Amino acid sequence: MFNPFFYQVNTRLTNTSEFPWKKNLYVIWTAQFIAMIGMNGCVPFLPLYIRELGVTDIAQAKRWAGLVFAAPFVLSFIMTPFWGYIGDKYGKKLMVVRAIMGLMLAMFLMGLAQNVWQLFILRVIQGGISGFIAANLSLVTAFTPKEHSGYAIAILQTSTTSGIMVGPVVGGVFADTVGIRESFFLVTTLCFLSAIIVVFMVKEKKNGSPLPKEKKFVDHLNRVWQNKKLIQFFSFIALCQAGISFSTPILAYYLEALHTPPNYLATITGLLIGSVGFLMTAFTPFWGRRNDRIGYEKNLLMALPIVAIVTIAQGFIFHYLYLFPLRFVIGIFSGAIVPTLYAALNKNCPPEMQGSIMGFASSSAILGNLVGPLVGSFAASSISMEAAFWLGGSMIAVVYFQVLRMDAKADN
């Protein structure tokens, strides 16, 4: 079994048999699901809100929409490892509450925005002060026994995908029936409810591990970045996230080129995107249990080539209906990739660095989600729409061959 670290870690530093890790996991799942509904609830109407804030020119509105959507990811990518370090030092539960309250404050102020610049700045601030997904991941990996970490990480991931699916529906309906500004206050309420759940229902375990010798964040940062295998795993996460998300911005245009009935174009696009999320949610727990039972490398070596081949195959079809079985396969097997990489990192992670390492892992996923659609759109516009699928699948294939090489070295 290959190890993403140069050193082995004692995985039984504490007695976790009496700690209610499953109860904590399900409580955090609920809190994250509620917060994800809130955070994604504003997605459908953000372009409409930009117009309501005075941007009436269509070209300018499109540019602002891109900036407003991307704004949180930039600062989140930078700040997430820092918040992970603070969590290692002062407590991970505190970081979860801080992150949710930060999101709540940002959403409340967005509902009061008077122009698009204020909205943009608040979205940037949101990325810098929230980061509750990474905080929850750090907390869950801290209190879960190592032998169950694959299952726990997989379950937590399903709260993210579930919230992403449900949030836009709830937000869209609420915006149409009550109003756009009022929808931000609904999100604020949901975030507050999520924070209350964490404060009163989650218990944080003292793992008894020594505090890190590094007093400064820079020293902690150097310790992480000097480990080449860690960097390799972070790059795997970024490449896989980018590869999976490469085709998202151009999927509707690709369907149009495949002569999808115009009256059903939006519906079919939504079904194809939603089906991947639904099947990931359904199958991720299965892959998590399999991680704990037979090892994460077997999951990766099975799922990576399948997802790579099927992603590339999407660029060779001649009828839109063929996309459905291909997307179903991607949904089933992609749940075995990024959650498994998280589990591989956590399996041998020093307890005093869990927050930092999970923070870097989350930043890697953020980077992939940010770069993937941008590069995919550029490839589609400068080469062909099929190229977005070919490049996305090729990136996943690169990760597969690297994992295969690492596994072969471990066996020798």
Protein backbone atom coordinates (compact mmCIF):
# COMPACT_ATOMS: atom_id res chain seq x y z
CA MET A 1 0.00 0.00 0.00
CA PHE A 2 1.50 3.31 -1.01
CA ASN A 3 1.71 6.11 1.52
CA PRO A 4 1.42 9.81 0.61
CA PHE A 5 3.88 10.65 3.38
CA PHE A 6 7.59 9.99 3.86
CA TYR A 7 6.89 8.96 7.45
CA GLN A 8 4.52 6.56 9.16
CA VAL A 9 2.10 7.85 11.75
CA ASN A 10 0.74 6.02 14.77
CA THR A 11 -2.94 5.78 13.88
CA ARG A 12 -4.03 4.71 17.37
CA LEU A 13 -2.93 7.63 19.47
CA THR A 14 -6.19 7.61 21.37
CA ASN A 15 -9.00 5.29 22.27
CA THR A 16 -11.81 6.24 19.90
CA SER A 17 -14.09 3.29 20.63
CA GLU A 18 -16.07 5.24 23.23
CA PHE A 19 -16.22 8.49 21.27
CA PRO A 20 -19.55 9.04 19.44
CA TRP A 21 -17.95 9.62 16.05
CA LYS A 22 -20.93 8.35 14.05
CA LYS A 23 -23.35 10.67 15.85
CA ASN A 24 -20.96 13.57 15.26
CA LEU A 25 -20.65 12.62 11.59
CA TYR A 26 -24.40 12.61 11.01
CA VAL A 27 -24.86 15.89 12.89
CA ILE A 28 -22.14 17.56 10.81
CA TRP A 29 -23.65 16.03 7.67
CA THR A 30 -26.96 17.70 8.53
CA ALA A 31 -25.33 21.04 9.32
CA GLN A 32 -23.29 21.01 6.10
CA PHE A 33 -26.30 19.96 4.02
CA ILE A 34 -28.32 22.90 5.38
CA ALA A 35 -25.45 25.34 4.79
CA MET A 36 -24.86 23.99 1.26
CA ILE A 37 -28.55 24.48 0.42
CA GLY A 38 -28.15 28.06 1.56
CA MET A 39 -24.88 28.73 -0.25
CA ASN A 40 -26.09 27.21 -3.53
CA GLY A 41 -29.54 28.71 -3.18
CA CYS A 42 -28.29 32.00 -4.57
CA VAL A 43 -26.77 30.44 -7.72
CA PRO A 44 -29.88 30.60 -9.97
CA PHE A 45 -30.64 34.26 -9.36
CA LEU A 46 -27.19 35.88 -9.07
CA PRO A 47 -27.28 37.01 -12.74
CA LEU A 48 -30.76 38.46 -12.14
CA TYR A 49 -29.53 40.20 -8.99
CA ILE A 50 -26.68 41.77 -10.99
CA ARG A 51 -29.27 43.23 -13.35
CA GLU A 52 -31.35 44.43 -10.41
CA LEU A 53 -28.26 46.23 -9.10
CA GLY A 54 -28.15 48.38 -12.24
CA VAL A 55 -26.11 46.43 -14.82
CA THR A 56 -28.51 46.43 -17.76
CA ASP A 57 -26.08 45.98 -20.67
CA ILE A 58 -26.08 42.27 -21.58
CA ALA A 59 -22.35 42.05 -22.37
CA GLN A 60 -21.41 43.79 -19.11
CA ALA A 61 -23.84 41.64 -17.16
CA LYS A 62 -22.19 38.47 -18.52
CA ARG A 63 -18.74 39.73 -17.52
CA TRP A 64 -19.93 40.65 -14.05
CA ALA A 65 -21.66 37.29 -13.69
CA GLY A 66 -18.36 35.51 -14.37
CA LEU A 67 -16.50 37.71 -11.90
CA VAL A 68 -19.15 37.37 -9.19
CA PHE A 69 -19.30 33.59 -9.56
CA ALA A 70 -15.50 33.18 -9.49
CA ALA A 71 -14.83 35.75 -6.75
CA PRO A 72 -15.10 33.47 -3.67
CA PHE A 73 -12.78 30.81 -5.08
CA VAL A 74 -9.73 33.05 -5.42
CA LEU A 75 -9.44 34.12 -1.78
CA SER A 76 -10.76 30.76 -0.55
CA PHE A 77 -7.89 29.01 -2.33
CA ILE A 78 -5.41 31.23 -0.46
CA MET A 79 -7.06 31.30 2.97
CA THR A 80 -8.25 27.70 3.42
CA PRO A 81 -4.83 26.29 4.48
CA PHE A 82 -4.41 29.18 6.93
CA TRP A 83 -7.76 28.45 8.58
CA GLY A 84 -6.75 24.77 8.71
CA TYR A 85 -3.58 25.75 10.59
CA ILE A 86 -5.61 27.86 13.03
CA GLY A 87 -7.91 24.87 13.55
CA ASP A 88 -4.92 22.66 14.39
CA LYS A 89 -3.84 25.21 16.97
CA TYR A 90 -7.11 26.35 18.59
CA GLY A 91 -9.73 23.72 17.75
CA LYS A 92 -11.47 22.49 14.63
CA LYS A 93 -15.02 22.91 15.93
CA LEU A 94 -14.27 26.60 16.46
CA MET A 95 -13.23 26.86 12.81
CA VAL A 96 -16.46 25.20 11.64
CA VAL A 97 -18.57 27.70 13.59
CA ARG A 98 -16.38 30.60 12.41
CA ALA A 99 -16.72 29.50 8.78
CA ILE A 100 -20.51 29.15 8.92
CA MET A 101 -20.91 32.48 10.73
CA GLY A 102 -18.63 34.11 8.14
CA LEU A 103 -20.82 32.78 5.34
CA MET A 104 -23.92 33.95 7.21
CA LEU A 105 -22.55 37.50 7.58
CA ALA A 106 -21.50 37.69 3.92
CA MET A 107 -24.91 36.50 2.70
CA PHE A 108 -26.76 38.94 4.95
CA LEU A 109 -24.70 41.87 3.64
CA MET A 110 -25.22 40.73 0.02
CA GLY A 111 -28.94 41.11 0.58
CA LEU A 112 -28.26 44.77 1.45
CA ALA A 113 -25.91 45.47 -1.50
CA GLN A 114 -26.64 48.67 -3.43
CA ASN A 115 -24.44 48.11 -6.50
CA VAL A 116 -22.59 45.32 -8.27
CA TRP A 117 -19.20 46.38 -6.88
CA GLN A 118 -20.46 45.83 -3.35
CA LEU A 119 -21.77 42.41 -4.36
CA PHE A 120 -18.42 41.49 -5.91
CA ILE A 121 -16.43 42.61 -2.85
CA LEU A 122 -18.75 40.70 -0.52
CA ARG A 123 -18.33 37.56 -2.64
CA VAL A 124 -14.54 37.93 -2.33
CA ILE A 125 -14.90 38.35 1.45
CA GLN A 126 -17.16 35.28 1.53
CA GLY A 127 -14.34 33.21 0.05
CA GLY A 128 -11.86 34.51 2.60
CA ILE A 129 -13.86 34.08 5.80
CA SER A 130 -16.07 31.06 5.15
CA GLY A 131 -14.55 27.75 3.98
CA PHE A 132 -16.86 25.58 6.07
CA ILE A 133 -16.47 22.53 3.78
CA ALA A 134 -12.74 22.30 4.55
CA ALA A 135 -13.40 23.04 8.24
CA ASN A 136 -15.98 20.26 8.46
CA LEU A 137 -13.63 17.87 6.67
CA SER A 138 -10.86 18.63 9.18
CA LEU A 139 -13.23 18.14 12.13
CA VAL A 140 -14.61 14.85 10.81
CA THR A 141 -11.16 13.41 10.09
CA ALA A 142 -10.00 14.47 13.57
CA PHE A 143 -12.65 12.55 15.53
CA THR A 144 -13.14 9.54 13.23
CA PRO A 145 -11.06 6.38 13.87
CA LYS A 146 -8.54 5.93 11.06
CA GLU A 147 -10.00 2.55 10.11
CA HIS A 148 -13.35 4.25 9.36
CA SER A 149 -12.04 7.46 7.79
CA GLY A 150 -12.83 6.41 4.21
CA TYR A 151 -16.48 5.86 5.07
CA ALA A 152 -16.73 9.10 7.07
CA ILE A 153 -15.17 11.26 4.34
CA ALA A 154 -17.42 9.65 1.73
CA ILE A 155 -20.56 10.30 3.79
CA LEU A 156 -19.55 13.93 4.37
CA GLN A 157 -19.01 14.41 0.62
CA THR A 158 -22.61 13.35 -0.02
CA SER A 159 -23.87 16.31 2.02
CA THR A 160 -22.03 18.63 -0.38
CA THR A 161 -23.43 17.06 -3.55
CA SER A 162 -26.92 16.82 -2.02
CA GLY A 163 -26.86 20.49 -1.05
CA ILE A 164 -25.60 21.46 -4.51
CA MET A 165 -28.55 19.63 -6.08
CA VAL A 166 -31.26 20.86 -3.70
CA GLY A 167 -30.00 24.43 -3.12
CA PRO A 168 -30.64 25.92 -6.57
CA VAL A 169 -34.18 24.52 -6.60
CA VAL A 170 -35.01 25.98 -3.19
CA GLY A 171 -33.32 29.29 -3.99
CA GLY A 172 -34.94 29.61 -7.40
CA VAL A 173 -38.44 28.93 -6.08
CA PHE A 174 -37.96 31.31 -3.15
CA ALA A 175 -36.59 34.08 -5.40
CA ASP A 176 -39.57 33.75 -7.76
CA THR A 177 -42.18 33.70 -5.00
CA VAL A 178 -40.75 36.09 -2.39
CA GLY A 179 -37.93 38.08 -3.99
CA ILE A 180 -34.21 38.03 -4.73
CA ARG A 181 -33.03 40.16 -1.81
CA GLU A 182 -35.23 38.21 0.57
CA SER A 183 -33.57 35.00 -0.64
CA PHE A 184 -30.24 36.14 0.80
CA PHE A 185 -31.92 36.51 4.18
CA LEU A 186 -33.26 32.95 3.83
CA VAL A 187 -29.67 31.80 3.26
CA THR A 188 -28.62 33.76 6.36
CA THR A 189 -31.26 31.95 8.41
CA LEU A 190 -30.17 28.54 7.12
CA CYS A 191 -26.53 29.31 7.98
CA PHE A 192 -27.54 30.39 11.49
CA LEU A 193 -29.46 27.13 11.94
CA SER A 194 -26.42 25.18 10.75
CA ALA A 195 -24.16 26.99 13.24
CA ILE A 196 -26.58 26.30 16.13
CA ILE A 197 -26.57 22.58 15.27
CA VAL A 198 -22.75 22.46 15.37
CA VAL A 199 -22.41 24.50 18.58
CA PHE A 200 -24.84 22.42 20.64
CA MET A 201 -24.67 18.95 19.09
CA VAL A 202 -21.08 18.33 17.97
CA LYS A 203 -18.47 17.13 20.45
CA GLU A 204 -14.80 17.73 19.75
CA LYS A 205 -12.34 15.04 20.81
CA LYS A 206 -9.01 15.95 22.34
CA ASN A 207 -6.68 13.68 20.44
CA GLY A 208 -3.84 13.95 22.88
CA SER A 209 -1.29 14.54 20.16
CA PRO A 210 1.56 16.96 20.80
CA LEU A 211 1.16 20.51 19.66
CA PRO A 212 3.21 21.36 16.58
CA LYS A 213 6.65 22.75 17.25
CA GLU A 214 6.17 25.38 14.56
CA LYS A 215 5.02 28.64 16.09
CA LYS A 216 4.37 30.44 12.82
CA PHE A 217 2.13 29.62 9.91
CA VAL A 218 5.08 30.03 7.54
CA ASP A 219 6.97 27.26 9.36
CA HIS A 220 3.90 25.04 9.19
CA LEU A 221 3.56 25.87 5.50
CA ASN A 222 7.17 24.91 4.82
CA ARG A 223 6.73 21.56 6.53
CA VAL A 224 3.85 20.73 4.20
CA TRP A 225 5.40 22.01 0.99
CA GLN A 226 8.74 20.28 1.60
CA ASN A 227 6.95 16.92 1.40
CA LYS A 228 6.99 16.09 -2.32
CA LYS A 229 4.52 13.23 -1.98
CA LEU A 230 2.00 15.53 -0.34
CA ILE A 231 2.35 17.97 -3.22
CA GLN A 232 1.82 15.09 -5.62
CA PHE A 233 -1.46 14.15 -3.93
CA PHE A 234 -2.62 17.76 -3.92
CA SER A 235 -1.92 17.89 -7.66
CA PHE A 236 -3.93 14.66 -8.13
CA ILE A 237 -6.96 16.27 -6.47
CA ALA A 238 -6.64 19.44 -8.56
CA LEU A 239 -6.20 17.52 -11.83
CA CYS A 240 -9.15 15.20 -11.17
CA GLN A 241 -11.47 18.05 -10.18
CA ALA A 242 -10.40 20.01 -13.24
CA GLY A 243 -10.83 17.01 -15.53
CA ILE A 244 -14.32 16.25 -14.26
CA SER A 245 -15.44 19.90 -14.52
CA PHE A 246 -13.81 20.66 -17.91
CA SER A 247 -17.00 20.23 -19.93
CA THR A 248 -19.52 21.81 -17.55
CA PRO A 249 -19.65 25.31 -19.15
CA ILE A 250 -20.00 24.01 -22.71
CA LEU A 251 -22.34 21.05 -22.15
CA ALA A 252 -25.44 22.96 -23.28
CA TYR A 253 -23.66 24.14 -26.45
CA TYR A 254 -22.46 20.59 -27.13
CA LEU A 255 -26.02 19.28 -26.77
CA GLU A 256 -27.17 21.97 -29.18
CA ALA A 257 -24.56 20.84 -31.71
CA LEU A 258 -25.85 17.27 -31.32
CA HIS A 259 -29.31 18.48 -32.42
CA THR A 260 -31.01 18.18 -29.06
CA PRO A 261 -34.65 19.36 -29.35
CA PRO A 262 -34.54 23.12 -28.52
CA ASN A 263 -37.64 22.94 -26.32
CA TYR A 264 -35.90 20.42 -24.05
CA LEU A 265 -32.34 21.73 -24.20
CA ALA A 266 -32.29 23.25 -20.70
CA THR A 267 -34.07 20.24 -19.20
CA ILE A 268 -31.70 17.71 -20.75
CA THR A 269 -28.66 19.78 -19.74
CA GLY A 270 -29.95 19.88 -16.18
CA LEU A 271 -30.64 16.15 -16.16
CA LEU A 272 -27.16 15.31 -17.43
CA ILE A 273 -25.46 17.54 -14.85
CA GLY A 274 -27.82 16.52 -12.04
CA SER A 275 -27.51 12.80 -12.76
CA VAL A 276 -23.77 12.90 -12.08
CA GLY A 277 -24.35 14.58 -8.72
CA PHE A 278 -27.17 12.20 -7.80
CA LEU A 279 -25.17 9.06 -8.62
CA MET A 280 -22.09 10.41 -6.84
CA THR A 281 -24.23 10.94 -3.74
CA ALA A 282 -25.70 7.44 -4.02
CA PHE A 283 -22.44 5.55 -4.62
CA THR A 284 -19.85 7.53 -2.62
CA PRO A 285 -20.65 5.70 0.68
CA PHE A 286 -20.10 2.38 -1.11
CA TRP A 287 -16.66 3.50 -2.27
CA GLY A 288 -15.89 4.83 1.22
CA ARG A 289 -16.61 1.45 2.83
CA ARG A 290 -14.54 -0.21 0.11
CA ASN A 291 -11.65 2.16 0.92
CA ASP A 292 -11.70 1.03 4.55
CA ARG A 293 -12.06 -2.64 3.63
CA ILE A 294 -9.55 -3.22 0.81
CA GLY A 295 -7.49 -0.02 0.57
CA TYR A 296 -7.79 3.21 -1.34
CA GLU A 297 -5.32 2.36 -4.09
CA LYS A 298 -7.61 -0.38 -5.45
CA ASN A 299 -10.49 2.08 -5.72
CA LEU A 300 -8.32 4.60 -7.53
CA LEU A 301 -6.88 2.04 -9.93
CA MET A 302 -10.39 0.89 -10.82
CA ALA A 303 -12.18 4.25 -11.03
CA LEU A 304 -9.58 6.51 -12.65
CA PRO A 305 -9.22 4.66 -15.99
CA ILE A 306 -12.98 4.16 -16.29
CA VAL A 307 -13.77 7.85 -15.71
CA ALA A 308 -10.92 8.90 -18.03
CA ILE A 309 -12.07 6.67 -20.90
CA VAL A 310 -15.75 7.56 -20.53
CA THR A 311 -14.97 11.29 -20.31
CA ILE A 312 -12.97 11.09 -23.54
CA ALA A 313 -15.72 8.98 -25.16
CA GLN A 314 -18.20 11.86 -24.72
CA GLY A 315 -16.28 13.70 -27.42
CA PHE A 316 -16.89 10.96 -29.99
CA ILE A 317 -20.66 10.48 -29.87
CA PHE A 318 -23.05 11.45 -32.68
CA HIS A 319 -26.36 11.58 -30.77
CA TYR A 320 -27.18 13.37 -27.52
CA LEU A 321 -28.90 10.32 -25.98
CA TYR A 322 -25.54 8.53 -25.77
CA LEU A 323 -24.47 11.10 -23.19
CA PHE A 324 -26.89 9.67 -20.63
CA PRO A 325 -25.22 6.25 -20.08
CA LEU A 326 -21.78 7.85 -20.26
CA ARG A 327 -22.68 10.46 -17.63
CA PHE A 328 -24.23 7.75 -15.45
CA VAL A 329 -20.93 5.84 -15.46
CA ILE A 330 -19.04 9.03 -14.57
CA GLY A 331 -21.41 9.68 -11.66
CA ILE A 332 -21.01 6.16 -10.28
CA PHE A 333 -17.21 6.00 -10.48
CA SER A 334 -16.23 9.63 -9.81
CA GLY A 335 -17.37 9.13 -6.21
CA ALA A 336 -14.34 6.84 -5.86
CA ILE A 337 -11.78 9.46 -6.88
CA VAL A 338 -11.57 12.72 -4.91
CA PRO A 339 -13.08 11.33 -1.65
CA THR A 340 -10.61 8.44 -1.93
CA LEU A 341 -7.70 10.86 -2.36
CA TYR A 342 -8.87 12.70 0.77
CA ALA A 343 -9.02 9.36 2.61
CA ALA A 344 -5.52 8.47 1.42
CA LEU A 345 -4.18 11.74 2.83
CA ASN A 346 -6.01 11.34 6.12
CA LYS A 347 -5.06 7.69 6.63
CA ASN A 348 -1.46 8.53 7.55
CA CYS A 349 -1.91 12.19 8.47
CA PRO A 350 -0.21 13.43 11.68
CA PRO A 351 -3.01 14.53 14.04
CA GLU A 352 -1.33 17.86 14.76
CA MET A 353 -1.38 18.70 11.02
CA GLN A 354 -4.81 17.39 10.02
CA GLY A 355 -6.37 20.82 9.62
CA SER A 356 -3.51 22.18 7.52
CA ILE A 357 -3.30 19.16 5.23
CA MET A 358 -7.06 18.95 4.70
CA GLY A 359 -7.02 22.70 4.09
CA PHE A 360 -4.44 22.29 1.33
CA ALA A 361 -6.44 19.38 -0.10
CA SER A 362 -9.58 21.53 -0.18
CA SER A 363 -7.64 24.36 -1.82
CA SER A 364 -6.49 21.90 -4.47
CA ALA A 365 -10.11 20.96 -5.18
CA ILE A 366 -11.04 24.64 -5.35
CA LEU A 367 -8.21 25.26 -7.81
CA GLY A 368 -9.42 22.38 -9.99
CA ASN A 369 -13.00 23.64 -9.95
CA LEU A 370 -11.80 27.13 -10.86
CA VAL A 371 -9.29 26.23 -13.58
CA GLY A 372 -11.20 23.31 -15.14
CA PRO A 373 -14.18 25.24 -16.54
CA LEU A 374 -11.94 28.12 -17.67
CA VAL A 375 -9.52 25.88 -19.58
CA GLY A 376 -12.38 23.74 -20.88
CA SER A 377 -14.16 26.81 -22.26
CA PHE A 378 -10.93 28.04 -23.86
CA ALA A 379 -10.30 24.62 -25.46
CA ALA A 380 -13.87 24.50 -26.77
CA SER A 381 -13.64 27.98 -28.30
CA SER A 382 -10.11 27.70 -29.73
CA ILE A 383 -10.01 24.02 -30.80
CA SER A 384 -13.41 22.29 -30.67
CA MET A 385 -16.07 21.39 -28.13
CA GLU A 386 -14.96 17.76 -28.34
CA ALA A 387 -11.48 18.85 -27.22
CA ALA A 388 -12.85 19.83 -23.80
CA PHE A 389 -13.85 16.20 -23.19
CA TRP A 390 -10.60 14.82 -24.60
CA LEU A 391 -8.42 17.10 -22.48
CA GLY A 392 -10.51 16.51 -19.35
CA GLY A 393 -10.24 12.74 -19.71
CA SER A 394 -6.53 12.99 -20.46
CA MET A 395 -5.91 14.86 -17.19
CA ILE A 396 -7.62 12.07 -15.26
CA ALA A 397 -5.59 9.50 -17.22
CA VAL A 398 -2.37 11.26 -16.15
CA VAL A 399 -3.38 10.79 -12.51
CA TYR A 400 -4.14 7.11 -13.16
CA PHE A 401 -0.68 6.43 -14.59
CA GLN A 402 0.96 8.26 -11.68
CA VAL A 403 -1.02 6.24 -9.12
CA LEU A 404 -0.17 3.04 -11.03
CA ARG A 405 3.52 3.93 -10.92
CA MET A 406 3.38 4.70 -7.18
CA ASP A 407 1.58 1.43 -6.48
CA ALA A 408 4.14 -0.54 -8.52
CA LYS A 409 7.00 1.08 -6.57
CA ALA A 410 5.29 0.22 -3.27
CA ASP A 411 5.04 -3.45 -4.29
CA ASN A 412 8.75 -3.70 -5.16
